[in-house]
Amino acid sequence: MKKFIIGIVAGIISGMFASGGGLILVPVYTYILKLDEKEARATSLFCILPMVILTSIIYSRNNFIDWSLGIKCAIGGIVGGLVGGKLLNKISNKFLQIAFILFLIYAGITMIIK
């Protein structure tokens, strides 16, 4: 039941803020469910796919998607995903934790400033 509730919370956050997989699921998987850093990231990516598909359909029906921008970024995301997936095997768990924390701090400060 706990895992189902985690999914619901991540889905709500994903739908409202266009994020939730990495921001919610990775910390929950590593600190609450005690998954390895790499396993947590891989599992969260697997869980994100259905959330993103459903949310994208809803956003599309409301004409919120800039298709030109979205397609270009999706192509870049495919390339980046390939590179990131390969790098994940070569990076230590500690480095992943630190990089993730720094990214969240940067994103938070940037949102406050702007």
PDB file of N, CA and C in Angstrom:
ATOM      1  N   MET A   1       0.821  -1.193   0.000  1.00  0.00           N
ATOM      2  CA  MET A   1       0.000   0.000   0.000  1.00  0.00           C
ATOM      3  C   MET A   1       0.870   1.264   0.000  1.00  0.00           C
ATOM      4  N   LYS A   2       1.987   1.229   0.778  1.00  0.00           N
ATOM      5  CA  LYS A   2       2.872   2.383   0.853  1.00  0.00           C
ATOM      6  C   LYS A   2       3.417   2.743  -0.528  1.00  0.00           C
ATOM      7  N   LYS A   3       3.777   1.748  -1.309  1.00  0.00           N
ATOM      8  CA  LYS A   3       4.340   1.986  -2.638  1.00  0.00           C
ATOM      9  C   LYS A   3       3.288   2.572  -3.578  1.00  0.00           C
ATOM     10  N   PHE A   4       2.057   2.157  -3.438  1.00  0.00           N
ATOM     11  CA  PHE A   4       0.956   2.701  -4.240  1.00  0.00           C
ATOM     12  C   PHE A   4       0.736   4.179  -3.907  1.00  0.00           C
ATOM     13  N   ILE A   5       0.774   4.515  -2.626  1.00  0.00           N
ATOM     14  CA  ILE A   5       0.599   5.903  -2.189  1.00  0.00           C
ATOM     15  C   ILE A   5       1.757   6.771  -2.691  1.00  0.00           C
ATOM     16  N   ILE A   6       2.968   6.235  -2.660  1.00  0.00           N
ATOM     17  CA  ILE A   6       4.123   6.961  -3.208  1.00  0.00           C
ATOM     18  C   ILE A   6       3.875   7.277  -4.676  1.00  0.00           C
ATOM     19  N   GLY A   7       3.363   6.322  -5.425  1.00  0.00           N
ATOM     20  CA  GLY A   7       3.058   6.531  -6.831  1.00  0.00           C
ATOM     21  C   GLY A   7       1.996   7.592  -7.040  1.00  0.00           C
ATOM     22  N   ILE A   8       0.968   7.594  -6.209  1.00  0.00           N
ATOM     23  CA  ILE A   8      -0.099   8.600  -6.317  1.00  0.00           C
ATOM     24  C   ILE A   8       0.468   9.997  -6.072  1.00  0.00           C
ATOM     25  N   VAL A   9       1.261  10.145  -5.023  1.00  0.00           N
ATOM     26  CA  VAL A   9       1.845  11.449  -4.712  1.00  0.00           C
ATOM     27  C   VAL A   9       2.758  11.913  -5.843  1.00  0.00           C
ATOM     28  N   ALA A  10       3.599  11.025  -6.345  1.00  0.00           N
ATOM     29  CA  ALA A  10       4.491  11.380  -7.453  1.00  0.00           C
ATOM     30  C   ALA A  10       3.685  11.752  -8.694  1.00  0.00           C
ATOM     31  N   GLY A  11       2.605  11.050  -8.955  1.00  0.00           N
ATOM     32  CA  GLY A  11       1.757  11.352 -10.108  1.00  0.00           C
ATOM     33  C   GLY A  11       1.086  12.710  -9.995  1.00  0.00           C
ATOM     34  N   ILE A  12       0.602  13.044  -8.809  1.00  0.00           N
ATOM     35  CA  ILE A  12      -0.024  14.350  -8.601  1.00  0.00           C
ATOM     36  C   ILE A  12       0.999  15.464  -8.802  1.00  0.00           C
ATOM     37  N   ILE A  13       2.170  15.298  -8.219  1.00  0.00           N
ATOM     38  CA  ILE A  13       3.219  16.316  -8.364  1.00  0.00           C
ATOM     39  C   ILE A  13       3.667  16.419  -9.816  1.00  0.00           C
ATOM     40  N   SER A  14       3.788  15.285 -10.486  1.00  0.00           N
ATOM     41  CA  SER A  14       4.164  15.288 -11.895  1.00  0.00           C
ATOM     42  C   SER A  14       3.122  16.018 -12.731  1.00  0.00           C
ATOM     43  N   GLY A  15       1.871  15.773 -12.464  1.00  0.00           N
ATOM     44  CA  GLY A  15       0.804  16.420 -13.217  1.00  0.00           C
ATOM     45  C   GLY A  15       0.714  17.912 -12.969  1.00  0.00           C
ATOM     46  N   MET A  16       0.979  18.340 -11.748  1.00  0.00           N
ATOM     47  CA  MET A  16       0.866  19.754 -11.419  1.00  0.00           C
ATOM     48  C   MET A  16       2.117  20.556 -11.767  1.00  0.00           C
ATOM     49  N   PHE A  17       3.282  19.968 -11.530  1.00  0.00           N
ATOM     50  CA  PHE A  17       4.521  20.726 -11.653  1.00  0.00           C
ATOM     51  C   PHE A  17       5.438  20.227 -12.757  1.00  0.00           C
ATOM     52  N   ALA A  18       5.000  19.240 -13.525  1.00  0.00           N
ATOM     53  CA  ALA A  18       5.801  18.645 -14.599  1.00  0.00           C
ATOM     54  C   ALA A  18       7.111  18.078 -14.073  1.00  0.00           C
ATOM     55  N   SER A  19       7.095  17.617 -12.854  1.00  0.00           N
ATOM     56  CA  SER A  19       8.225  16.880 -12.285  1.00  0.00           C
ATOM     57  C   SER A  19       7.679  16.032 -11.154  1.00  0.00           C
ATOM     58  N   GLY A  20       8.393  15.070 -10.776  1.00  0.00           N
ATOM     59  CA  GLY A  20       7.917  14.193  -9.715  1.00  0.00           C
ATOM     60  C   GLY A  20       8.724  12.920  -9.681  1.00  0.00           C
ATOM     61  N   GLY A  21       9.150  12.462 -10.848  1.00  0.00           N
ATOM     62  CA  GLY A  21       9.943  11.252 -10.893  1.00  0.00           C
ATOM     63  C   GLY A  21      11.229  11.394 -10.133  1.00  0.00           C
ATOM     64  N   GLY A  22      12.097  12.221 -10.620  1.00  0.00           N
ATOM     65  CA  GLY A  22      13.390  12.400  -9.976  1.00  0.00           C
ATOM     66  C   GLY A  22      13.292  13.116  -8.653  1.00  0.00           C
ATOM     67  N   LEU A  23      12.456  14.110  -8.583  1.00  0.00           N
ATOM     68  CA  LEU A  23      12.375  14.924  -7.379  1.00  0.00           C
ATOM     69  C   LEU A  23      11.712  14.209  -6.210  1.00  0.00           C
ATOM     70  N   ILE A  24      10.763  13.363  -6.503  1.00  0.00           N
ATOM     71  CA  ILE A  24      10.034  12.673  -5.442  1.00  0.00           C
ATOM     72  C   ILE A  24      10.460  11.210  -5.336  1.00  0.00           C
ATOM     73  N   LEU A  25      10.427  10.509  -6.456  1.00  0.00           N
ATOM     74  CA  LEU A  25      10.645   9.064  -6.402  1.00  0.00           C
ATOM     75  C   LEU A  25      12.078   8.665  -6.024  1.00  0.00           C
ATOM     76  N   VAL A  26      13.078   9.339  -6.558  1.00  0.00           N
ATOM     77  CA  VAL A  26      14.455   8.939  -6.248  1.00  0.00           C
ATOM     78  C   VAL A  26      14.743   9.067  -4.750  1.00  0.00           C
ATOM     79  N   PRO A  27      14.453  10.207  -4.116  1.00  0.00           N
ATOM     80  CA  PRO A  27      14.688  10.263  -2.668  1.00  0.00           C
ATOM     81  C   PRO A  27      13.855   9.247  -1.874  1.00  0.00           C
ATOM     82  N   VAL A  28      12.601   9.061  -2.289  1.00  0.00           N
ATOM     83  CA  VAL A  28      11.756   8.083  -1.588  1.00  0.00           C
ATOM     84  C   VAL A  28      12.328   6.677  -1.761  1.00  0.00           C
ATOM     85  N   TYR A  29      12.716   6.335  -2.962  1.00  0.00           N
ATOM     86  CA  TYR A  29      13.273   5.003  -3.206  1.00  0.00           C
ATOM     87  C   TYR A  29      14.567   4.777  -2.438  1.00  0.00           C
ATOM     88  N   THR A  30      15.415   5.798  -2.355  1.00  0.00           N
ATOM     89  CA  THR A  30      16.704   5.595  -1.686  1.00  0.00           C
ATOM     90  C   THR A  30      16.585   5.663  -0.169  1.00  0.00           C
ATOM     91  N   TYR A  31      15.825   6.620   0.362  1.00  0.00           N
ATOM     92  CA  TYR A  31      15.801   6.817   1.813  1.00  0.00           C
ATOM     93  C   TYR A  31      14.692   6.063   2.531  1.00  0.00           C
ATOM     94  N   ILE A  32      13.555   5.891   1.899  1.00  0.00           N
ATOM     95  CA  ILE A  32      12.449   5.191   2.563  1.00  0.00           C
ATOM     96  C   ILE A  32      12.428   3.715   2.184  1.00  0.00           C
ATOM     97  N   LEU A  33      12.551   3.428   0.878  1.00  0.00           N
ATOM     98  CA  LEU A  33      12.492   2.035   0.430  1.00  0.00           C
ATOM     99  C   LEU A  33      13.868   1.372   0.353  1.00  0.00           C
ATOM    100  N   LYS A  34      14.922   2.147   0.622  1.00  0.00           N
ATOM    101  CA  LYS A  34      16.299   1.645   0.747  1.00  0.00           C
ATOM    102  C   LYS A  34      16.847   0.994  -0.530  1.00  0.00           C
ATOM    103  N   LEU A  35      16.491   1.537  -1.698  1.00  0.00           N
ATOM    104  CA  LEU A  35      17.077   1.052  -2.948  1.00  0.00           C
ATOM    105  C   LEU A  35      18.448   1.677  -3.153  1.00  0.00           C
ATOM    106  N   ASP A  36      19.288   1.012  -3.887  1.00  0.00           N
ATOM    107  CA  ASP A  36      20.570   1.540  -4.314  1.00  0.00           C
ATOM    108  C   ASP A  36      20.313   2.772  -5.194  1.00  0.00           C
ATOM    109  N   GLU A  37      21.249   3.730  -5.200  1.00  0.00           N
ATOM    110  CA  GLU A  37      21.087   4.965  -5.981  1.00  0.00           C
ATOM    111  C   GLU A  37      20.765   4.683  -7.452  1.00  0.00           C
ATOM    112  N   LYS A  38      21.510   3.796  -8.051  1.00  0.00           N
ATOM    113  CA  LYS A  38      21.323   3.506  -9.483  1.00  0.00           C
ATOM    114  C   LYS A  38      19.998   2.801  -9.723  1.00  0.00           C
ATOM    115  N   GLU A  39      19.654   1.883  -8.859  1.00  0.00           N
ATOM    116  CA  GLU A  39      18.379   1.174  -8.984  1.00  0.00           C
ATOM    117  C   GLU A  39      17.203   2.134  -8.780  1.00  0.00           C
ATOM    118  N   ALA A  40      17.365   3.087  -7.864  1.00  0.00           N
ATOM    119  CA  ALA A  40      16.306   4.073  -7.614  1.00  0.00           C
ATOM    120  C   ALA A  40      16.073   4.933  -8.851  1.00  0.00           C
ATOM    121  N   ARG A  41      17.144   5.360  -9.493  1.00  0.00           N
ATOM    122  CA  ARG A  41      17.002   6.197 -10.682  1.00  0.00           C
ATOM    123  C   ARG A  41      16.368   5.420 -11.833  1.00  0.00           C
ATOM    124  N   ALA A  42      16.832   4.210 -12.046  1.00  0.00           N
ATOM    125  CA  ALA A  42      16.287   3.388 -13.130  1.00  0.00           C
ATOM    126  C   ALA A  42      14.806   3.081 -12.885  1.00  0.00           C
ATOM    127  N   THR A  43      14.459   2.750 -11.657  1.00  0.00           N
ATOM    128  CA  THR A  43      13.072   2.441 -11.328  1.00  0.00           C
ATOM    129  C   THR A  43      12.189   3.675 -11.481  1.00  0.00           C
ATOM    130  N   SER A  44      12.701   4.848 -11.070  1.00  0.00           N
ATOM    131  CA  SER A  44      11.891   6.057 -11.206  1.00  0.00           C
ATOM    132  C   SER A  44      11.654   6.395 -12.671  1.00  0.00           C
ATOM    133  N   LEU A  45      12.657   6.189 -13.524  1.00  0.00           N
ATOM    134  CA  LEU A  45      12.457   6.429 -14.956  1.00  0.00           C
ATOM    135  C   LEU A  45      11.389   5.513 -15.521  1.00  0.00           C
ATOM    136  N   PHE A  46      11.392   4.266 -15.089  1.00  0.00           N
ATOM    137  CA  PHE A  46      10.362   3.333 -15.536  1.00  0.00           C
ATOM    138  C   PHE A  46       8.972   3.809 -15.094  1.00  0.00           C
ATOM    139  N   CYS A  47       8.874   4.320 -13.877  1.00  0.00           N
ATOM    140  CA  CYS A  47       7.584   4.785 -13.354  1.00  0.00           C
ATOM    141  C   CYS A  47       7.133   6.083 -13.996  1.00  0.00           C
ATOM    142  N   ILE A  48       8.087   6.898 -14.425  1.00  0.00           N
ATOM    143  CA  ILE A  48       7.752   8.198 -15.002  1.00  0.00           C
ATOM    144  C   ILE A  48       7.014   8.047 -16.325  1.00  0.00           C
ATOM    145  N   LEU A  49       7.380   7.063 -17.120  1.00  0.00           N
ATOM    146  CA  LEU A  49       6.814   6.924 -18.463  1.00  0.00           C
ATOM    147  C   LEU A  49       5.290   6.956 -18.492  1.00  0.00           C
ATOM    148  N   PRO A  50       4.589   6.123 -17.724  1.00  0.00           N
ATOM    149  CA  PRO A  50       3.122   6.191 -17.783  1.00  0.00           C
ATOM    150  C   PRO A  50       2.574   7.526 -17.282  1.00  0.00           C
ATOM    151  N   MET A  51       3.233   8.116 -16.249  1.00  0.00           N
ATOM    152  CA  MET A  51       2.777   9.412 -15.746  1.00  0.00           C
ATOM    153  C   MET A  51       2.909  10.478 -16.827  1.00  0.00           C
ATOM    154  N   VAL A  52       4.028  10.476 -17.527  1.00  0.00           N
ATOM    155  CA  VAL A  52       4.284  11.478 -18.554  1.00  0.00           C
ATOM    156  C   VAL A  52       3.327  11.311 -19.730  1.00  0.00           C
ATOM    157  N   ILE A  53       3.079  10.092 -20.136  1.00  0.00           N
ATOM    158  CA  ILE A  53       2.165   9.867 -21.261  1.00  0.00           C
ATOM    159  C   ILE A  53       0.773  10.388 -20.923  1.00  0.00           C
ATOM    160  N   LEU A  54       0.254  10.011 -19.772  1.00  0.00           N
ATOM    161  CA  LEU A  54      -1.087  10.441 -19.392  1.00  0.00           C
ATOM    162  C   LEU A  54      -1.176  11.954 -19.217  1.00  0.00           C
ATOM    163  N   THR A  55      -0.203  12.530 -18.525  1.00  0.00           N
ATOM    164  CA  THR A  55      -0.208  13.974 -18.313  1.00  0.00           C
ATOM    165  C   THR A  55      -0.075  14.718 -19.640  1.00  0.00           C
ATOM    166  N   SER A  56       0.741  14.205 -20.549  1.00  0.00           N
ATOM    167  CA  SER A  56       0.903  14.838 -21.860  1.00  0.00           C
ATOM    168  C   SER A  56      -0.405  14.842 -22.644  1.00  0.00           C
ATOM    169  N   ILE A  57      -1.158  13.773 -22.543  1.00  0.00           N
ATOM    170  CA  ILE A  57      -2.466  13.718 -23.216  1.00  0.00           C
ATOM    171  C   ILE A  57      -3.383  14.801 -22.660  1.00  0.00           C
ATOM    172  N   ILE A  58      -3.396  14.942 -21.342  1.00  0.00           N
ATOM    173  CA  ILE A  58      -4.246  15.964 -20.721  1.00  0.00           C
ATOM    174  C   ILE A  58      -3.795  17.362 -21.125  1.00  0.00           C
ATOM    175  N   TYR A  59      -2.466  17.617 -21.075  1.00  0.00           N
ATOM    176  CA  TYR A  59      -1.949  18.927 -21.479  1.00  0.00           C
ATOM    177  C   TYR A  59      -2.248  19.201 -22.950  1.00  0.00           C
ATOM    178  N   SER A  60      -2.142  18.184 -23.784  1.00  0.00           N
ATOM    179  CA  SER A  60      -2.400  18.350 -25.214  1.00  0.00           C
ATOM    180  C   SER A  60      -3.862  18.717 -25.466  1.00  0.00           C
ATOM    181  N   ARG A  61      -4.759  18.062 -24.779  1.00  0.00           N
ATOM    182  CA  ARG A  61      -6.194  18.355 -24.941  1.00  0.00           C
ATOM    183  C   ARG A  61      -6.516  19.797 -24.546  1.00  0.00           C
ATOM    184  N   ASN A  62      -5.703  20.370 -23.661  1.00  0.00           N
ATOM    185  CA  ASN A  62      -5.922  21.751 -23.230  1.00  0.00           C
ATOM    186  C   ASN A  62      -5.042  22.738 -23.999  1.00  0.00           C
ATOM    187  N   ASN A  63      -4.397  22.247 -25.071  1.00  0.00           N
ATOM    188  CA  ASN A  63      -3.541  23.084 -25.933  1.00  0.00           C
ATOM    189  C   ASN A  63      -2.423  23.788 -25.170  1.00  0.00           C
ATOM    190  N   PHE A  64      -1.797  23.089 -24.238  1.00  0.00           N
ATOM    191  CA  PHE A  64      -0.699  23.654 -23.465  1.00  0.00           C
ATOM    192  C   PHE A  64       0.672  23.290 -24.020  1.00  0.00           C
ATOM    193  N   ILE A  65       0.742  22.464 -25.048  1.00  0.00           N
ATOM    194  CA  ILE A  65       2.028  21.976 -25.544  1.00  0.00           C
ATOM    195  C   ILE A  65       2.500  22.810 -26.723  1.00  0.00           C
ATOM    196  N   ASP A  66       3.724  23.279 -26.658  1.00  0.00           N
ATOM    197  CA  ASP A  66       4.389  23.922 -27.788  1.00  0.00           C
ATOM    198  C   ASP A  66       5.083  22.787 -28.541  1.00  0.00           C
ATOM    199  N   TRP A  67       4.431  22.284 -29.598  1.00  0.00           N
ATOM    200  CA  TRP A  67       4.896  21.080 -30.285  1.00  0.00           C
ATOM    201  C   TRP A  67       6.275  21.247 -30.918  1.00  0.00           C
ATOM    202  N   SER A  68       6.550  22.390 -31.505  1.00  0.00           N
ATOM    203  CA  SER A  68       7.845  22.604 -32.136  1.00  0.00           C
ATOM    204  C   SER A  68       8.968  22.513 -31.095  1.00  0.00           C
ATOM    205  N   LEU A  69       8.799  23.238 -30.012  1.00  0.00           N
ATOM    206  CA  LEU A  69       9.784  23.197 -28.932  1.00  0.00           C
ATOM    207  C   LEU A  69       9.860  21.798 -28.325  1.00  0.00           C
ATOM    208  N   GLY A  70       8.720  21.199 -28.081  1.00  0.00           N
ATOM    209  CA  GLY A  70       8.680  19.877 -27.454  1.00  0.00           C
ATOM    210  C   GLY A  70       9.387  18.807 -28.266  1.00  0.00           C
ATOM    211  N   ILE A  71       9.174  18.802 -29.576  1.00  0.00           N
ATOM    212  CA  ILE A  71       9.811  17.792 -30.432  1.00  0.00           C
ATOM    213  C   ILE A  71      11.313  17.979 -30.459  1.00  0.00           C
ATOM    214  N   LYS A  72      11.765  19.231 -30.574  1.00  0.00           N
ATOM    215  CA  LYS A  72      13.207  19.492 -30.577  1.00  0.00           C
ATOM    216  C   LYS A  72      13.848  19.068 -29.258  1.00  0.00           C
ATOM    217  N   CYS A  73      13.219  19.407 -28.164  1.00  0.00           N
ATOM    218  CA  CYS A  73      13.762  19.021 -26.857  1.00  0.00           C
ATOM    219  C   CYS A  73      13.684  17.507 -26.642  1.00  0.00           C
ATOM    220  N   ALA A  74      12.648  16.875 -27.164  1.00  0.00           N
ATOM    221  CA  ALA A  74      12.535  15.419 -27.041  1.00  0.00           C
ATOM    222  C   ALA A  74      13.673  14.716 -27.764  1.00  0.00           C
ATOM    223  N   ILE A  75      14.028  15.212 -28.932  1.00  0.00           N
ATOM    224  CA  ILE A  75      15.155  14.623 -29.670  1.00  0.00           C
ATOM    225  C   ILE A  75      16.437  14.773 -28.854  1.00  0.00           C
ATOM    226  N   GLY A  76      16.652  15.965 -28.307  1.00  0.00           N
ATOM    227  CA  GLY A  76      17.809  16.170 -27.437  1.00  0.00           C
ATOM    228  C   GLY A  76      17.747  15.288 -26.196  1.00  0.00           C
ATOM    229  N   GLY A  77      16.544  15.114 -25.670  1.00  0.00           N
ATOM    230  CA  GLY A  77      16.367  14.264 -24.491  1.00  0.00           C
ATOM    231  C   GLY A  77      16.684  12.810 -24.765  1.00  0.00           C
ATOM    232  N   ILE A  78      16.388  12.350 -25.970  1.00  0.00           N
ATOM    233  CA  ILE A  78      16.718  10.969 -26.340  1.00  0.00           C
ATOM    234  C   ILE A  78      18.228  10.783 -26.347  1.00  0.00           C
ATOM    235  N   VAL A  79      18.929  11.735 -26.967  1.00  0.00           N
ATOM    236  CA  VAL A  79      20.391  11.667 -27.010  1.00  0.00           C
ATOM    237  C   VAL A  79      20.953  11.749 -25.585  1.00  0.00           C
ATOM    238  N   GLY A  80      20.460  12.718 -24.813  1.00  0.00           N
ATOM    239  CA  GLY A  80      20.918  12.865 -23.432  1.00  0.00           C
ATOM    240  C   GLY A  80      20.616  11.647 -22.581  1.00  0.00           C
ATOM    241  N   GLY A  81      19.457  11.036 -22.801  1.00  0.00           N
ATOM    242  CA  GLY A  81      19.102   9.825 -22.054  1.00  0.00           C
ATOM    243  C   GLY A  81      20.044   8.673 -22.348  1.00  0.00           C
ATOM    244  N   LEU A  82      20.432   8.544 -23.616  1.00  0.00           N
ATOM    245  CA  LEU A  82      21.402   7.502 -23.982  1.00  0.00           C
ATOM    246  C   LEU A  82      22.733   7.731 -23.286  1.00  0.00           C
ATOM    247  N   VAL A  83      23.205   8.969 -23.327  1.00  0.00           N
ATOM    248  CA  VAL A  83      24.482   9.301 -22.684  1.00  0.00           C
ATOM    249  C   VAL A  83      24.376   9.115 -21.171  1.00  0.00           C
ATOM    250  N   GLY A  84      23.304   9.636 -20.577  1.00  0.00           N
ATOM    251  CA  GLY A  84      23.116   9.510 -19.135  1.00  0.00           C
ATOM    252  C   GLY A  84      23.002   8.068 -18.670  1.00  0.00           C
ATOM    253  N   GLY A  85      22.296   7.252 -19.443  1.00  0.00           N
ATOM    254  CA  GLY A  85      22.159   5.837 -19.089  1.00  0.00           C
ATOM    255  C   GLY A  85      23.501   5.113 -19.102  1.00  0.00           C
ATOM    256  N   LYS A  86      24.338   5.456 -20.058  1.00  0.00           N
ATOM    257  CA  LYS A  86      25.666   4.842 -20.121  1.00  0.00           C
ATOM    258  C   LYS A  86      26.565   5.363 -18.995  1.00  0.00           C
ATOM    259  N   LEU A  87      26.459   6.656 -18.692  1.00  0.00           N
ATOM    260  CA  LEU A  87      27.266   7.233 -17.621  1.00  0.00           C
ATOM    261  C   LEU A  87      26.883   6.682 -16.250  1.00  0.00           C
ATOM    262  N   LEU A  88      25.609   6.353 -16.070  1.00  0.00           N
ATOM    263  CA  LEU A  88      25.141   5.861 -14.779  1.00  0.00           C
ATOM    264  C   LEU A  88      25.936   4.645 -14.326  1.00  0.00           C
ATOM    265  N   ASN A  89      26.331   3.805 -15.266  1.00  0.00           N
ATOM    266  CA  ASN A  89      27.098   2.606 -14.914  1.00  0.00           C
ATOM    267  C   ASN A  89      28.518   2.929 -14.466  1.00  0.00           C
ATOM    268  N   LYS A  90      29.001   4.120 -14.798  1.00  0.00           N
ATOM    269  CA  LYS A  90      30.399   4.462 -14.523  1.00  0.00           C
ATOM    270  C   LYS A  90      30.564   5.417 -13.351  1.00  0.00           C
ATOM    271  N   ILE A  91      29.482   5.926 -12.810  1.00  0.00           N
ATOM    272  CA  ILE A  91      29.530   6.934 -11.754  1.00  0.00           C
ATOM    273  C   ILE A  91      29.204   6.285 -10.415  1.00  0.00           C
ATOM    274  N   SER A  92      29.915   6.710  -9.372  1.00  0.00           N
ATOM    275  CA  SER A  92      29.672   6.151  -8.040  1.00  0.00           C
ATOM    276  C   SER A  92      28.357   6.669  -7.469  1.00  0.00           C
ATOM    277  N   ASN A  93      27.805   5.907  -6.541  1.00  0.00           N
ATOM    278  CA  ASN A  93      26.565   6.304  -5.887  1.00  0.00           C
ATOM    279  C   ASN A  93      26.732   7.620  -5.134  1.00  0.00           C
ATOM    280  N   LYS A  94      27.884   7.806  -4.489  1.00  0.00           N
ATOM    281  CA  LYS A  94      28.137   9.033  -3.731  1.00  0.00           C
ATOM    282  C   LYS A  94      28.129  10.243  -4.654  1.00  0.00           C
ATOM    283  N   PHE A  95      28.773  10.119  -5.819  1.00  0.00           N
ATOM    284  CA  PHE A  95      28.774  11.219  -6.781  1.00  0.00           C
ATOM    285  C   PHE A  95      27.359  11.525  -7.244  1.00  0.00           C
ATOM    286  N   LEU A  96      26.556  10.497  -7.487  1.00  0.00           N
ATOM    287  CA  LEU A  96      25.169  10.702  -7.904  1.00  0.00           C
ATOM    288  C   LEU A  96      24.386  11.478  -6.844  1.00  0.00           C
ATOM    289  N   GLN A  97      24.581  11.119  -5.576  1.00  0.00           N
ATOM    290  CA  GLN A  97      23.894  11.816  -4.486  1.00  0.00           C
ATOM    291  C   GLN A  97      24.287  13.288  -4.450  1.00  0.00           C
ATOM    292  N   ILE A  98      25.574  13.555  -4.516  1.00  0.00           N
ATOM    293  CA  ILE A  98      26.059  14.931  -4.445  1.00  0.00           C
ATOM    294  C   ILE A  98      25.580  15.734  -5.647  1.00  0.00           C
ATOM    295  N   ALA A  99      25.676  15.165  -6.836  1.00  0.00           N
ATOM    296  CA  ALA A  99      25.237  15.863  -8.049  1.00  0.00           C
ATOM    297  C   ALA A  99      23.743  16.172  -7.977  1.00  0.00           C
ATOM    298  N   PHE A 100      22.950  15.227  -7.476  1.00  0.00           N
ATOM    299  CA  PHE A 100      21.504  15.426  -7.367  1.00  0.00           C
ATOM    300  C   PHE A 100      21.197  16.543  -6.372  1.00  0.00           C
ATOM    301  N   ILE A 101      21.872  16.542  -5.245  1.00  0.00           N
ATOM    302  CA  ILE A 101      21.666  17.585  -4.228  1.00  0.00           C
ATOM    303  C   ILE A 101      22.030  18.951  -4.802  1.00  0.00           C
ATOM    304  N   LEU A 102      23.170  19.048  -5.473  1.00  0.00           N
ATOM    305  CA  LEU A 102      23.584  20.317  -6.067  1.00  0.00           C
ATOM    306  C   LEU A 102      22.592  20.794  -7.118  1.00  0.00           C
ATOM    307  N   PHE A 103      22.077  19.868  -7.917  1.00  0.00           N
ATOM    308  CA  PHE A 103      21.072  20.227  -8.923  1.00  0.00           C
ATOM    309  C   PHE A 103      19.818  20.783  -8.260  1.00  0.00           C
ATOM    310  N   LEU A 104      19.353  20.136  -7.201  1.00  0.00           N
ATOM    311  CA  LEU A 104      18.142  20.604  -6.521  1.00  0.00           C
ATOM    312  C   LEU A 104      18.358  21.977  -5.890  1.00  0.00           C
ATOM    313  N   ILE A 105      19.527  22.187  -5.296  1.00  0.00           N
ATOM    314  CA  ILE A 105      19.839  23.492  -4.701  1.00  0.00           C
ATOM    315  C   ILE A 105      19.850  24.563  -5.790  1.00  0.00           C
ATOM    316  N   TYR A 106      20.532  24.281  -6.893  1.00  0.00           N
ATOM    317  CA  TYR A 106      20.590  25.230  -8.003  1.00  0.00           C
ATOM    318  C   TYR A 106      19.183  25.547  -8.527  1.00  0.00           C
ATOM    319  N   ALA A 107      18.383  24.507  -8.743  1.00  0.00           N
ATOM    320  CA  ALA A 107      17.031  24.714  -9.263  1.00  0.00           C
ATOM    321  C   ALA A 107      16.193  25.534  -8.292  1.00  0.00           C
ATOM    322  N   GLY A 108      16.304  25.244  -7.003  1.00  0.00           N
ATOM    323  CA  GLY A 108      15.543  25.972  -6.005  1.00  0.00           C
ATOM    324  C   GLY A 108      15.937  27.441  -5.943  1.00  0.00           C
ATOM    325  N   ILE A 109      17.236  27.717  -5.937  1.00  0.00           N
ATOM    326  CA  ILE A 109      17.709  29.099  -5.891  1.00  0.00           C
ATOM    327  C   ILE A 109      17.292  29.848  -7.139  1.00  0.00           C
ATOM    328  N   THR A 110      17.419  29.195  -8.291  1.00  0.00           N
ATOM    329  CA  THR A 110      17.024  29.827  -9.545  1.00  0.00           C
ATOM    330  C   THR A 110      15.543  30.187  -9.548  1.00  0.00           C
ATOM    331  N   MET A 111      14.705  29.308  -9.012  1.00  0.00           N
ATOM    332  CA  MET A 111      13.268  29.589  -8.970  1.00  0.00           C
ATOM    333  C   MET A 111      12.955  30.737  -8.021  1.00  0.00           C
ATOM    334  N   ILE A 112      13.690  30.838  -6.930  1.00  0.00           N
ATOM    335  CA  ILE A 112      13.459  31.927  -5.967  1.00  0.00           C
ATOM    336  C   ILE A 112      13.871  33.268  -6.561  1.00  0.00           C
ATOM    337  N   ILE A 113      15.012  33.288  -7.226  1.00  0.00           N
ATOM    338  CA  ILE A 113      15.555  34.527  -7.787  1.00  0.00           C
ATOM    339  C   ILE A 113      14.691  35.056  -8.922  1.00  0.00           C
ATOM    340  N   LYS A 114      14.208  34.155  -9.766  1.00  0.00           N
ATOM    341  CA  LYS A 114      13.421  34.587 -10.924  1.00  0.00           C
ATOM    342  C   LYS A 114      12.009  34.716 -10.505  1.00  0.00           C
TER     343      LYS A 114
END
